[in-house]
Amino acid sequence: DSTLSEDSPPPSSSPRLPGPAATKCSYPYHTLSQSSDEFLDEPPGAAMGWTCHQVGQWLESLSLEQYVEEFSAHGIDGPRLLHLDGAKLKALGVGSSQDRAVLKRKLKELSLAVEKERKAQEKAEKQREKQKKRDQEQRRS
């Protein structure tokens, strides 16, 4: 008695639909939404790791929320933010010279804070290396 085994049809190879269109400013990880209070508690040196959303919050904290959309549309995140100058700000739609002056001053503060943070990290790294060498020398003796 032979039973015919029906070949099951191949799994449908329908193309997978792509997810929602990625905006210019999307990140592979989800950031918890922060209230602006939490945002202001962050050390200014953290600007290097800011997302576009955090840059938007920073603009809002400076009462420059009218530029959030334009900055976001251009994918301005922390690293890009720190490289903006007067001409780039103008290109981003910051037409008011007063607003540009505020932004340039605040960007300078952020850059200095980032630099300070970087130097502090380097110093801490060197201290750790020194400590490691000391520990190794003590083990030998």
Foldseek 3Di string as FASTA:
>chain_A
DDDDDDDDPDDDPDPDDDDPDDALFDDPDDDDDDDLVVLVVDQLLCLQVFGLVSVCSVCVVVVNNVLSVLCVNVRPGSVNLLPDALVNVVVSVPVDPVVRVVSVVVSVVSVVRNVVVVVVVVVVVVVVVVVVVVVVVVVVD
